[in-house]
Amino acid sequence: SKLWTDRLEELWNRPSVASELRRLFERR
């Protein structure tokens, strides 16, 4: 079965905890 979904596509292109953490360090 195909495991990729539209929701996964959306999340792939959205900020994650890891990416927001990097931005937080940059702001600090």
PDB file of all heavy atoms in Angstrom:
ATOM      1  N   SER A   1       0.850  -1.185   0.000  1.00  0.00           N
ATOM      2  CA  SER A   1       0.000   0.000   0.000  1.00  0.00           C
ATOM      3  C   SER A   1       0.887   1.237   0.000  1.00  0.00           C
ATOM      4  O   SER A   1       2.011   1.206   0.510  1.00  0.00           O
ATOM      5  CB  SER A   1      -0.925   0.025   1.222  1.00  0.00           C
ATOM      6  OG  SER A   1      -0.172   0.103   2.413  1.00  0.00           O
ATOM      7  N   LYS A   2       0.368   2.312  -0.581  1.00  0.00           N
ATOM      8  CA  LYS A   2       1.112   3.559  -0.588  1.00  0.00           C
ATOM      9  C   LYS A   2       0.947   4.229   0.763  1.00  0.00           C
ATOM     10  O   LYS A   2      -0.169   4.466   1.222  1.00  0.00           O
ATOM     11  CB  LYS A   2       0.615   4.472  -1.708  1.00  0.00           C
ATOM     12  CG  LYS A   2       1.475   5.719  -1.898  1.00  0.00           C
ATOM     13  CD  LYS A   2       1.061   6.481  -3.148  1.00  0.00           C
ATOM     14  CE  LYS A   2       1.960   7.682  -3.383  1.00  0.00           C
ATOM     15  NZ  LYS A   2       1.609   8.387  -4.631  1.00  0.00           N
ATOM     16  N   LEU A   3       2.065   4.555   1.404  1.00  0.00           N
ATOM     17  CA  LEU A   3       2.043   5.056   2.767  1.00  0.00           C
ATOM     18  C   LEU A   3       1.995   6.579   2.838  1.00  0.00           C
ATOM     19  O   LEU A   3       1.655   7.135   3.880  1.00  0.00           O
ATOM     20  CB  LEU A   3       3.272   4.538   3.524  1.00  0.00           C
ATOM     21  CG  LEU A   3       3.469   3.015   3.496  1.00  0.00           C
ATOM     22  CD1 LEU A   3       4.751   2.624   4.215  1.00  0.00           C
ATOM     23  CD2 LEU A   3       2.279   2.304   4.112  1.00  0.00           C
ATOM     24  N   TRP A   4       2.356   7.238   1.756  1.00  0.00           N
ATOM     25  CA  TRP A   4       2.369   8.700   1.727  1.00  0.00           C
ATOM     26  C   TRP A   4       0.947   9.223   1.594  1.00  0.00           C
ATOM     27  O   TRP A   4       0.142   8.693   0.843  1.00  0.00           O
ATOM     28  CB  TRP A   4       3.217   9.187   0.567  1.00  0.00           C
ATOM     29  CG  TRP A   4       3.561  10.647   0.616  1.00  0.00           C
ATOM     30  CD1 TRP A   4       3.074  11.643  -0.178  1.00  0.00           C
ATOM     31  CD2 TRP A   4       4.506  11.281   1.499  1.00  0.00           C
ATOM     32  NE1 TRP A   4       3.629  12.849   0.156  1.00  0.00           N
ATOM     33  CE2 TRP A   4       4.520  12.662   1.182  1.00  0.00           C
ATOM     34  CE3 TRP A   4       5.325  10.819   2.519  1.00  0.00           C
ATOM     35  CZ2 TRP A   4       5.326  13.575   1.852  1.00  0.00           C
ATOM     36  CZ3 TRP A   4       6.125  11.723   3.194  1.00  0.00           C
ATOM     37  CH2 TRP A   4       6.123  13.090   2.846  1.00  0.00           C
ATOM     38  N   THR A   5       0.621  10.259   2.364  1.00  0.00           N
ATOM     39  CA  THR A   5      -0.715  10.841   2.339  1.00  0.00           C
ATOM     40  C   THR A   5      -0.616  12.352   2.138  1.00  0.00           C
ATOM     41  O   THR A   5       0.459  12.945   2.280  1.00  0.00           O
ATOM     42  CB  THR A   5      -1.461  10.575   3.666  1.00  0.00           C
ATOM     43  OG1 THR A   5      -0.770  11.253   4.733  1.00  0.00           O
ATOM     44  CG2 THR A   5      -1.531   9.080   3.973  1.00  0.00           C
ATOM     45  N   ASP A   6      -1.742  12.962   1.826  1.00  0.00           N
ATOM     46  CA  ASP A   6      -1.765  14.430   1.691  1.00  0.00           C
ATOM     47  C   ASP A   6      -1.378  15.103   2.993  1.00  0.00           C
ATOM     48  O   ASP A   6      -0.726  16.150   2.992  1.00  0.00           O
ATOM     49  CB  ASP A   6      -3.165  14.884   1.265  1.00  0.00           C
ATOM     50  CG  ASP A   6      -3.510  14.466  -0.163  1.00  0.00           C
ATOM     51  OD1 ASP A   6      -2.581  14.132  -0.934  1.00  0.00           O
ATOM     52  OD2 ASP A   6      -4.702  14.476  -0.497  1.00  0.00           O
ATOM     53  N   ARG A   7      -1.773  14.505   4.121  1.00  0.00           N
ATOM     54  CA  ARG A   7      -1.428  15.076   5.421  1.00  0.00           C
ATOM     55  C   ARG A   7       0.082  15.036   5.641  1.00  0.00           C
ATOM     56  O   ARG A   7       0.673  16.002   6.149  1.00  0.00           O
ATOM     57  CB  ARG A   7      -2.154  14.302   6.520  1.00  0.00           C
ATOM     58  CG  ARG A   7      -1.752  14.663   7.941  1.00  0.00           C
ATOM     59  CD  ARG A   7      -2.093  16.099   8.284  1.00  0.00           C
ATOM     60  NE  ARG A   7      -1.821  16.365   9.697  1.00  0.00           N
ATOM     61  CZ  ARG A   7      -1.747  17.583  10.219  1.00  0.00           C
ATOM     62  NH1 ARG A   7      -1.908  18.648   9.466  1.00  0.00           N
ATOM     63  NH2 ARG A   7      -1.506  17.748  11.511  1.00  0.00           N
ATOM     64  N   LEU A   8       0.739  13.946   5.246  1.00  0.00           N
ATOM     65  CA  LEU A   8       2.191  13.861   5.385  1.00  0.00           C
ATOM     66  C   LEU A   8       2.874  14.886   4.480  1.00  0.00           C
ATOM     67  O   LEU A   8       3.874  15.500   4.872  1.00  0.00           O
ATOM     68  CB  LEU A   8       2.682  12.452   5.067  1.00  0.00           C
ATOM     69  CG  LEU A   8       2.244  11.349   6.043  1.00  0.00           C
ATOM     70  CD1 LEU A   8       2.818  10.006   5.614  1.00  0.00           C
ATOM     71  CD2 LEU A   8       2.650  11.673   7.471  1.00  0.00           C
ATOM     72  N   GLU A   9       2.340  15.078   3.299  1.00  0.00           N
ATOM     73  CA  GLU A   9       2.887  16.100   2.395  1.00  0.00           C
ATOM     74  C   GLU A   9       2.789  17.482   3.033  1.00  0.00           C
ATOM     75  O   GLU A   9       3.740  18.283   2.981  1.00  0.00           O
ATOM     76  CB  GLU A   9       2.112  16.086   1.076  1.00  0.00           C
ATOM     77  CG  GLU A   9       2.529  17.153   0.079  1.00  0.00           C
ATOM     78  CD  GLU A   9       3.855  16.855  -0.586  1.00  0.00           C
ATOM     79  OE1 GLU A   9       4.197  15.670  -0.718  1.00  0.00           O
ATOM     80  OE2 GLU A   9       4.545  17.817  -0.986  1.00  0.00           O
ATOM     81  N   GLU A  10       1.646  17.750   3.647  1.00  0.00           N
ATOM     82  CA  GLU A  10       1.455  19.044   4.315  1.00  0.00           C
ATOM     83  C   GLU A  10       2.465  19.230   5.443  1.00  0.00           C
ATOM     84  O   GLU A  10       3.093  20.289   5.574  1.00  0.00           O
ATOM     85  CB  GLU A  10       0.027  19.118   4.873  1.00  0.00           C
ATOM     86  CG  GLU A  10      -0.262  20.373   5.675  1.00  0.00           C
ATOM     87  CD  GLU A  10      -1.565  20.293   6.436  1.00  0.00           C
ATOM     88  OE1 GLU A  10      -2.346  19.345   6.210  1.00  0.00           O
ATOM     89  OE2 GLU A  10      -1.806  21.172   7.289  1.00  0.00           O
ATOM     90  N   LEU A  11       2.625  18.190   6.274  1.00  0.00           N
ATOM     91  CA  LEU A  11       3.537  18.300   7.415  1.00  0.00           C
ATOM     92  C   LEU A  11       4.990  18.387   6.971  1.00  0.00           C
ATOM     93  O   LEU A  11       5.804  19.055   7.618  1.00  0.00           O
ATOM     94  CB  LEU A  11       3.342  17.109   8.354  1.00  0.00           C
ATOM     95  CG  LEU A  11       2.023  17.067   9.119  1.00  0.00           C
ATOM     96  CD1 LEU A  11       1.909  15.789   9.934  1.00  0.00           C
ATOM     97  CD2 LEU A  11       1.876  18.286  10.021  1.00  0.00           C
ATOM     98  N   TRP A  12       5.328  17.722   5.881  1.00  0.00           N
ATOM     99  CA  TRP A  12       6.699  17.775   5.371  1.00  0.00           C
ATOM    100  C   TRP A  12       7.092  19.214   5.046  1.00  0.00           C
ATOM    101  O   TRP A  12       8.241  19.611   5.235  1.00  0.00           O
ATOM    102  CB  TRP A  12       6.819  16.889   4.143  1.00  0.00           C
ATOM    103  CG  TRP A  12       8.206  16.807   3.560  1.00  0.00           C
ATOM    104  CD1 TRP A  12       8.799  17.680   2.692  1.00  0.00           C
ATOM    105  CD2 TRP A  12       9.186  15.793   3.820  1.00  0.00           C
ATOM    106  NE1 TRP A  12      10.075  17.278   2.383  1.00  0.00           N
ATOM    107  CE2 TRP A  12      10.338  16.121   3.059  1.00  0.00           C
ATOM    108  CE3 TRP A  12       9.194  14.642   4.606  1.00  0.00           C
ATOM    109  CZ2 TRP A  12      11.488  15.331   3.068  1.00  0.00           C
ATOM    110  CZ3 TRP A  12      10.336  13.854   4.612  1.00  0.00           C
ATOM    111  CH2 TRP A  12      11.462  14.204   3.859  1.00  0.00           C
ATOM    112  N   ASN A  13       6.134  19.974   4.551  1.00  0.00           N
ATOM    113  CA  ASN A  13       6.413  21.342   4.112  1.00  0.00           C
ATOM    114  C   ASN A  13       6.127  22.385   5.189  1.00  0.00           C
ATOM    115  O   ASN A  13       6.267  23.583   4.925  1.00  0.00           O
ATOM    116  CB  ASN A  13       5.587  21.657   2.861  1.00  0.00           C
ATOM    117  CG  ASN A  13       5.986  20.803   1.676  1.00  0.00           C
ATOM    118  OD1 ASN A  13       7.161  20.744   1.317  1.00  0.00           O
ATOM    119  ND2 ASN A  13       5.028  20.122   1.062  1.00  0.00           N
ATOM    120  N   ARG A  14       5.738  21.941   6.362  1.00  0.00           N
ATOM    121  CA  ARG A  14       5.448  22.866   7.458  1.00  0.00           C
ATOM    122  C   ARG A  14       6.576  22.864   8.478  1.00  0.00           C
ATOM    123  O   ARG A  14       7.374  21.926   8.544  1.00  0.00           O
ATOM    124  CB  ARG A  14       4.147  22.452   8.154  1.00  0.00           C
ATOM    125  CG  ARG A  14       2.886  22.946   7.462  1.00  0.00           C
ATOM    126  CD  ARG A  14       1.660  22.444   8.187  1.00  0.00           C
ATOM    127  NE  ARG A  14       1.761  22.618   9.640  1.00  0.00           N
ATOM    128  CZ  ARG A  14       0.876  22.127  10.509  1.00  0.00           C
ATOM    129  NH1 ARG A  14      -0.155  21.427  10.073  1.00  0.00           N
ATOM    130  NH2 ARG A  14       1.031  22.320  11.806  1.00  0.00           N
ATOM    131  N   PRO A  15       6.661  23.908   9.310  1.00  0.00           N
ATOM    132  CA  PRO A  15       7.646  23.904  10.393  1.00  0.00           C
ATOM    133  C   PRO A  15       7.426  22.734  11.343  1.00  0.00           C
ATOM    134  O   PRO A  15       6.294  22.290  11.558  1.00  0.00           O
ATOM    135  CB  PRO A  15       7.402  25.237  11.097  1.00  0.00           C
ATOM    136  CG  PRO A  15       6.757  26.105  10.078  1.00  0.00           C
ATOM    137  CD  PRO A  15       5.910  25.185   9.243  1.00  0.00           C
ATOM    138  N   SER A  16       8.512  22.238  11.903  1.00  0.00           N
ATOM    139  CA  SER A  16       8.471  21.153  12.868  1.00  0.00           C
ATOM    140  C   SER A  16       9.056  21.644  14.189  1.00  0.00           C
ATOM    141  O   SER A  16       9.528  22.787  14.290  1.00  0.00           O
ATOM    142  CB  SER A  16       9.283  19.965  12.360  1.00  0.00           C
ATOM    143  OG  SER A  16      10.668  20.325  12.287  1.00  0.00           O
ATOM    144  N   VAL A  17       9.049  20.790  15.186  1.00  0.00           N
ATOM    145  CA  VAL A  17       9.688  21.146  16.451  1.00  0.00           C
ATOM    146  C   VAL A  17      11.169  21.433  16.211  1.00  0.00           C
ATOM    147  O   VAL A  17      11.715  22.417  16.728  1.00  0.00           O
ATOM    148  CB  VAL A  17       9.520  20.010  17.484  1.00  0.00           C
ATOM    149  CG1 VAL A  17      10.320  20.312  18.751  1.00  0.00           C
ATOM    150  CG2 VAL A  17       8.049  19.798  17.815  1.00  0.00           C
ATOM    151  N   ALA A  18      11.824  20.604  15.409  1.00  0.00           N
ATOM    152  CA  ALA A  18      13.258  20.787  15.151  1.00  0.00           C
ATOM    153  C   ALA A  18      13.542  22.096  14.433  1.00  0.00           C
ATOM    154  O   ALA A  18      14.480  22.829  14.794  1.00  0.00           O
ATOM    155  CB  ALA A  18      13.788  19.612  14.331  1.00  0.00           C
ATOM    156  N   SER A  19      12.746  22.424  13.419  1.00  0.00           N
ATOM    157  CA  SER A  19      13.013  23.661  12.670  1.00  0.00           C
ATOM    158  C   SER A  19      12.715  24.899  13.513  1.00  0.00           C
ATOM    159  O   SER A  19      13.433  25.898  13.449  1.00  0.00           O
ATOM    160  CB  SER A  19      12.199  23.687  11.366  1.00  0.00           C
ATOM    161  OG  SER A  19      10.807  23.752  11.620  1.00  0.00           O
ATOM    162  N   GLU A  20      11.651  24.844  14.335  1.00  0.00           N
ATOM    163  CA  GLU A  20      11.344  25.982  15.199  1.00  0.00           C
ATOM    164  C   GLU A  20      12.377  26.120  16.311  1.00  0.00           C
ATOM    165  O   GLU A  20      12.666  27.239  16.762  1.00  0.00           O
ATOM    166  CB  GLU A  20       9.946  25.838  15.795  1.00  0.00           C
ATOM    167  CG  GLU A  20       8.812  26.064  14.800  1.00  0.00           C
ATOM    168  CD  GLU A  20       8.829  27.465  14.201  1.00  0.00           C
ATOM    169  OE1 GLU A  20       9.309  28.413  14.861  1.00  0.00           O
ATOM    170  OE2 GLU A  20       8.353  27.607  13.056  1.00  0.00           O
ATOM    171  N   LEU A  21      12.948  25.011  16.740  1.00  0.00           N
ATOM    172  CA  LEU A  21      14.020  25.086  17.730  1.00  0.00           C
ATOM    173  C   LEU A  21      15.221  25.826  17.150  1.00  0.00           C
ATOM    174  O   LEU A  21      15.820  26.680  17.822  1.00  0.00           O
ATOM    175  CB  LEU A  21      14.430  23.685  18.173  1.00  0.00           C
ATOM    176  CG  LEU A  21      15.573  23.613  19.185  1.00  0.00           C
ATOM    177  CD1 LEU A  21      15.130  24.147  20.539  1.00  0.00           C
ATOM    178  CD2 LEU A  21      16.095  22.183  19.314  1.00  0.00           C
ATOM    179  N   ARG A  22      15.574  25.526  15.910  1.00  0.00           N
ATOM    180  CA  ARG A  22      16.709  26.221  15.275  1.00  0.00           C
ATOM    181  C   ARG A  22      16.437  27.712  15.161  1.00  0.00           C
ATOM    182  O   ARG A  22      17.322  28.539  15.406  1.00  0.00           O
ATOM    183  CB  ARG A  22      16.984  25.607  13.898  1.00  0.00           C
ATOM    184  CG  ARG A  22      17.603  24.215  13.952  1.00  0.00           C
ATOM    185  CD  ARG A  22      18.108  23.773  12.602  1.00  0.00           C
ATOM    186  NE  ARG A  22      17.019  23.523  11.659  1.00  0.00           N
ATOM    187  CZ  ARG A  22      16.419  22.351  11.517  1.00  0.00           C
ATOM    188  NH1 ARG A  22      16.789  21.308  12.257  1.00  0.00           N
ATOM    189  NH2 ARG A  22      15.449  22.185  10.642  1.00  0.00           N
ATOM    190  N   ARG A  23      15.209  28.067  14.807  1.00  0.00           N
ATOM    191  CA  ARG A  23      14.865  29.498  14.702  1.00  0.00           C
ATOM    192  C   ARG A  23      14.924  30.176  16.064  1.00  0.00           C
ATOM    193  O   ARG A  23      15.335  31.334  16.173  1.00  0.00           O
ATOM    194  CB  ARG A  23      13.476  29.638  14.089  1.00  0.00           C
ATOM    195  CG  ARG A  23      13.400  29.204  12.625  1.00  0.00           C
ATOM    196  CD  ARG A  23      12.044  29.553  12.013  1.00  0.00           C
ATOM    197  NE  ARG A  23      11.964  29.122  10.628  1.00  0.00           N
ATOM    198  CZ  ARG A  23      11.401  27.985  10.224  1.00  0.00           C
ATOM    199  NH1 ARG A  23      10.840  27.181  11.121  1.00  0.00           N
ATOM    200  NH2 ARG A  23      11.382  27.661   8.951  1.00  0.00           N
ATOM    201  N   LEU A  24      14.522  29.452  17.100  1.00  0.00           N
ATOM    202  CA  LEU A  24      14.582  30.002  18.453  1.00  0.00           C
ATOM    203  C   LEU A  24      16.027  30.299  18.842  1.00  0.00           C
ATOM    204  O   LEU A  24      16.329  31.373  19.378  1.00  0.00           O
ATOM    205  CB  LEU A  24      13.952  29.021  19.440  1.00  0.00           C
ATOM    206  CG  LEU A  24      14.055  29.383  20.927  1.00  0.00           C
ATOM    207  CD1 LEU A  24      13.345  30.701  21.230  1.00  0.00           C
ATOM    208  CD2 LEU A  24      13.468  28.249  21.789  1.00  0.00           C
ATOM    209  N   PHE A  25      16.943  29.397  18.564  1.00  0.00           N
ATOM    210  CA  PHE A  25      18.356  29.629  18.868  1.00  0.00           C
ATOM    211  C   PHE A  25      18.883  30.823  18.074  1.00  0.00           C
ATOM    212  O   PHE A  25      19.666  31.636  18.600  1.00  0.00           O
ATOM    213  CB  PHE A  25      19.175  28.378  18.559  1.00  0.00           C
ATOM    214  CG  PHE A  25      19.210  27.373  19.682  1.00  0.00           C
ATOM    215  CD1 PHE A  25      18.363  26.272  19.683  1.00  0.00           C
ATOM    216  CD2 PHE A  25      20.077  27.546  20.745  1.00  0.00           C
ATOM    217  CE1 PHE A  25      18.399  25.354  20.708  1.00  0.00           C
ATOM    218  CE2 PHE A  25      20.125  26.633  21.789  1.00  0.00           C
ATOM    219  CZ  PHE A  25      19.269  25.531  21.774  1.00  0.00           C
ATOM    220  N   GLU A  26      18.466  30.924  16.826  1.00  0.00           N
ATOM    221  CA  GLU A  26      18.913  32.056  16.005  1.00  0.00           C
ATOM    222  C   GLU A  26      18.421  33.374  16.587  1.00  0.00           C
ATOM    223  O   GLU A  26      19.182  34.357  16.636  1.00  0.00           O
ATOM    224  CB  GLU A  26      18.410  31.878  14.566  1.00  0.00           C
ATOM    225  CG  GLU A  26      19.094  30.736  13.811  1.00  0.00           C
ATOM    226  CD  GLU A  26      18.403  30.423  12.500  1.00  0.00           C
ATOM    227  OE1 GLU A  26      17.410  31.126  12.158  1.00  0.00           O
ATOM    228  OE2 GLU A  26      18.832  29.467  11.813  1.00  0.00           O
ATOM    229  N   ARG A  27      17.167  33.405  17.036  1.00  0.00           N
ATOM    230  CA  ARG A  27      16.649  34.641  17.618  1.00  0.00           C
ATOM    231  C   ARG A  27      17.383  35.001  18.901  1.00  0.00           C
ATOM    232  O   ARG A  27      17.568  36.188  19.202  1.00  0.00           O
ATOM    233  CB  ARG A  27      15.137  34.506  17.894  1.00  0.00           C
ATOM    234  CG  ARG A  27      14.276  34.460  16.664  1.00  0.00           C
ATOM    235  CD  ARG A  27      12.804  34.670  16.996  1.00  0.00           C
ATOM    236  NE  ARG A  27      12.254  33.674  17.892  1.00  0.00           N
ATOM    237  CZ  ARG A  27      11.725  32.516  17.496  1.00  0.00           C
ATOM    238  NH1 ARG A  27      11.698  32.206  16.205  1.00  0.00           N
ATOM    239  NH2 ARG A  27      11.219  31.660  18.380  1.00  0.00           N
ATOM    240  N   ARG A  28      17.780  33.997  19.661  1.00  0.00           N
ATOM    241  CA  ARG A  28      18.509  34.250  20.904  1.00  0.00           C
ATOM    242  C   ARG A  28      19.988  34.572  20.640  1.00  0.00           C
ATOM    243  O   ARG A  28      20.686  35.028  21.539  1.00  0.00           O
ATOM    244  CB  ARG A  28      18.413  33.045  21.829  1.00  0.00           C
ATOM    245  CG  ARG A  28      17.024  32.785  22.391  1.00  0.00           C
ATOM    246  CD  ARG A  28      16.682  33.738  23.529  1.00  0.00           C
ATOM    247  NE  ARG A  28      15.453  33.336  24.194  1.00  0.00           N
ATOM    248  CZ  ARG A  28      15.415  32.621  25.314  1.00  0.00           C
ATOM    249  NH1 ARG A  28      16.532  32.254  25.911  1.00  0.00           N
ATOM    250  NH2 ARG A  28      14.251  32.285  25.834  1.00  0.00           N
TER     251      ARG A  28
END
